[in-house]
Amino acid sequence: MNWKLRILQTAAVAAVVTGVLLGVWAKYRTRSAPCGQQPCGDAAASTAAAALKSHYMDQGYFWAQVDPALLTDGKHRFTVTPGDLYRFDKLTILGASDDWIGRVSGSLPLKKGDIYRPSLARAWLDSVERPAANSLYAQYRPKKFEVDFDRERHLISLVLDVSKAE
């Protein structure tokens, strides 16, 4: 398992939940949004910036820059530079039968050319990692999961290496 990716995605989800609670979630769309209606401290601004970055990441903008600025009235304003949009390219599964690969690949909610959303890939991988006893996924267990970025073409490929369940 790529634990660094898992930690990053877990932190991103926590930042999104915190951002929702702070009331900044609905304001990100302006790309220049105040931190709520009241002045907020540096910790709240950092949390809000992380929530914005996480949101853009889940919309396919992996290298989004979020720059908070403190205004004279004590409020923060965030400027977001989204960067390049990344799309899903392909899923490669290693170590399984062709039949299993075909069925499991078809269950991934991302199709070639879709905007890559880590939350969809994470939910799919969770279903593969923790299958019900009689489910299709129960035949194999993931050994390693990788996310490959093609920065020239702005594409993302997933590689899942599995082994037979015992």
Protein backbone atom coordinates (compact mmCIF):
# COMPACT_ATOMS: atom_id res chain seq x y z
CA MET A 1 0.00 0.00 0.00
CA ASN A 2 1.26 3.49 -0.67
CA TRP A 3 0.95 4.75 2.91
CA LYS A 4 2.12 8.28 2.05
CA LEU A 5 -0.78 8.64 -0.38
CA ARG A 6 -3.21 7.23 2.19
CA ILE A 7 -2.01 9.70 4.84
CA LEU A 8 -2.27 12.60 2.39
CA GLN A 9 -5.79 11.61 1.39
CA THR A 10 -6.85 11.15 5.03
CA ALA A 11 -5.50 14.59 5.90
CA ALA A 12 -7.27 16.07 2.89
CA VAL A 13 -10.60 14.57 3.96
CA ALA A 14 -10.12 15.89 7.51
CA ALA A 15 -9.36 19.34 6.11
CA VAL A 16 -12.53 19.28 3.99
CA VAL A 17 -14.69 18.31 6.96
CA THR A 18 -13.12 21.06 9.06
CA GLY A 19 -13.62 23.56 6.24
CA VAL A 20 -17.29 22.68 6.03
CA LEU A 21 -17.67 23.24 9.76
CA LEU A 22 -15.99 26.64 9.47
CA GLY A 23 -18.50 27.73 6.86
CA VAL A 24 -15.97 28.42 4.11
CA TRP A 25 -17.00 25.53 1.87
CA ALA A 26 -19.70 27.44 -0.01
CA LYS A 27 -17.47 30.47 -0.51
CA TYR A 28 -14.50 28.84 -2.35
CA ARG A 29 -16.18 29.16 -5.75
CA THR A 30 -15.43 32.87 -5.97
CA ARG A 31 -11.70 32.02 -5.91
CA SER A 32 -11.38 34.94 -3.56
CA ALA A 33 -13.48 34.24 -0.50
CA PRO A 34 -13.56 35.75 2.99
CA CYS A 35 -13.06 33.42 5.96
CA GLY A 36 -16.67 33.47 7.11
CA GLN A 37 -18.38 36.66 8.17
CA GLN A 38 -16.23 37.16 11.27
CA PRO A 39 -12.47 37.70 11.49
CA CYS A 40 -10.65 34.39 11.88
CA GLY A 41 -7.28 33.52 13.36
CA ASP A 42 -4.25 32.04 11.64
CA ALA A 43 -5.20 28.48 12.64
CA ALA A 44 -8.69 28.85 11.16
CA ALA A 45 -7.25 30.46 8.02
CA SER A 46 -4.77 27.59 7.64
CA THR A 47 -7.57 25.06 8.08
CA ALA A 48 -9.72 26.90 5.54
CA ALA A 49 -6.81 27.07 3.07
CA ALA A 50 -6.23 23.31 3.51
CA ALA A 51 -9.95 22.68 2.90
CA LEU A 52 -9.85 24.73 -0.30
CA LYS A 53 -6.73 22.94 -1.51
CA SER A 54 -8.31 19.58 -0.71
CA HIS A 55 -11.46 20.52 -2.60
CA TYR A 56 -9.51 21.55 -5.68
CA MET A 57 -7.47 18.34 -5.45
CA ASP A 58 -10.67 16.30 -5.48
CA GLN A 59 -11.76 18.20 -8.59
CA GLY A 60 -8.59 17.15 -10.45
CA TYR A 61 -6.37 20.17 -9.67
CA PHE A 62 -3.50 18.46 -7.84
CA TRP A 63 -1.12 21.37 -7.72
CA ALA A 64 -3.58 24.12 -6.73
CA GLN A 65 -2.05 27.01 -4.81
CA VAL A 66 -4.13 28.63 -2.06
CA ASP A 67 -2.83 31.94 -0.77
CA PRO A 68 -4.57 33.49 2.26
CA ALA A 69 -4.27 37.23 2.79
CA LEU A 70 -5.25 39.10 5.94
CA LEU A 71 -7.48 42.09 5.16
CA THR A 72 -7.54 45.33 7.13
CA ASP A 73 -10.84 44.38 8.79
CA GLY A 74 -9.26 41.20 10.20
CA LYS A 75 -10.88 38.85 7.71
CA HIS A 76 -8.92 36.54 5.45
CA ARG A 77 -9.30 36.37 1.70
CA PHE A 78 -8.09 33.37 -0.26
CA THR A 79 -6.73 33.50 -3.77
CA VAL A 80 -6.74 30.14 -5.53
CA THR A 81 -4.61 29.32 -8.56
CA PRO A 82 -5.94 25.92 -9.64
CA GLY A 83 -3.14 24.83 -11.97
CA ASP A 84 -3.54 22.04 -14.50
CA LEU A 85 -6.58 19.76 -14.56
CA TYR A 86 -5.72 16.04 -14.36
CA ARG A 87 -7.81 13.30 -15.94
CA PHE A 88 -7.96 9.57 -15.37
CA ASP A 89 -6.06 7.49 -17.91
CA LYS A 90 -6.08 3.83 -16.90
CA LEU A 91 -6.14 1.21 -14.18
CA THR A 92 -3.61 -1.63 -14.26
CA ILE A 93 -4.18 -4.64 -12.00
CA LEU A 94 -1.34 -7.08 -11.49
CA GLY A 95 -1.42 -10.58 -10.03
CA ALA A 96 -5.05 -11.58 -10.66
CA SER A 97 -7.00 -13.65 -13.18
CA ASP A 98 -8.25 -11.91 -16.33
CA ASP A 99 -11.87 -12.56 -15.31
CA TRP A 100 -11.37 -10.94 -11.89
CA ILE A 101 -9.48 -8.02 -13.41
CA GLY A 102 -12.30 -7.40 -15.89
CA ARG A 103 -15.01 -7.42 -13.25
CA VAL A 104 -13.11 -5.35 -10.69
CA SER A 105 -11.88 -2.83 -13.28
CA GLY A 106 -15.48 -2.31 -14.39
CA SER A 107 -16.47 -1.39 -10.84
CA LEU A 108 -14.08 1.58 -10.67
CA PRO A 109 -16.25 4.71 -10.93
CA LEU A 110 -13.58 6.51 -12.98
CA LYS A 111 -13.49 6.02 -16.74
CA LYS A 112 -10.78 7.06 -19.19
CA GLY A 113 -10.92 10.83 -19.70
CA ASP A 114 -12.90 11.56 -16.51
CA ILE A 115 -11.60 14.26 -14.19
CA TYR A 116 -9.54 12.34 -11.64
CA ARG A 117 -11.15 12.46 -8.21
CA PRO A 118 -9.10 10.88 -5.42
CA SER A 119 -12.21 10.42 -3.27
CA LEU A 120 -13.73 8.07 -5.88
CA ALA A 121 -10.50 6.09 -6.22
CA ARG A 122 -10.18 5.89 -2.41
CA ALA A 123 -13.76 4.63 -1.97
CA TRP A 124 -13.21 2.01 -4.67
CA LEU A 125 -9.91 0.88 -3.13
CA ASP A 126 -11.57 0.64 0.29
CA SER A 127 -14.17 -1.74 -1.17
CA VAL A 128 -11.36 -3.87 -2.63
CA GLU A 129 -9.40 -3.86 0.65
CA ARG A 130 -12.34 -4.72 2.92
CA PRO A 131 -14.64 -6.97 0.92
CA ALA A 132 -17.66 -8.82 2.22
CA ALA A 133 -16.91 -12.53 2.62
CA ASN A 134 -18.81 -13.61 -0.49
CA SER A 135 -18.14 -10.59 -2.65
CA LEU A 136 -16.31 -10.52 -5.93
CA TYR A 137 -13.38 -8.72 -4.28
CA ALA A 138 -12.80 -11.47 -1.67
CA GLN A 139 -10.67 -13.60 -4.05
CA TYR A 140 -7.63 -11.29 -3.94
CA ARG A 141 -6.06 -8.85 -1.50
CA PRO A 142 -4.18 -5.66 -2.45
CA LYS A 143 -0.42 -5.71 -1.85
CA LYS A 144 0.47 -2.34 -3.32
CA PHE A 145 -1.40 0.64 -4.78
CA GLU A 146 0.30 3.37 -6.80
CA VAL A 147 -0.84 6.61 -8.38
CA ASP A 148 1.25 7.64 -11.39
CA PHE A 149 1.19 11.23 -12.64
CA ASP A 150 1.96 12.08 -16.27
CA ARG A 151 2.74 15.78 -15.83
CA GLU A 152 3.15 16.40 -19.57
CA ARG A 153 -0.22 15.04 -20.62
CA HIS A 154 -1.97 15.77 -17.28
CA LEU A 155 -3.08 12.17 -16.86
CA ILE A 156 -3.25 9.86 -13.86
CA SER A 157 -2.91 6.09 -13.96
CA LEU A 158 -3.56 3.69 -11.10
CA VAL A 159 -1.65 0.46 -10.51
CA LEU A 160 -3.03 -2.15 -8.10
CA ASP A 161 -0.91 -5.20 -7.32
CA VAL A 162 -2.87 -8.03 -5.66
CA SER A 163 -2.26 -11.52 -4.31
CA LYS A 164 -4.60 -14.48 -3.89
CA ALA A 165 -6.63 -14.32 -0.65
CA GLU A 166 -6.02 -17.12 1.80
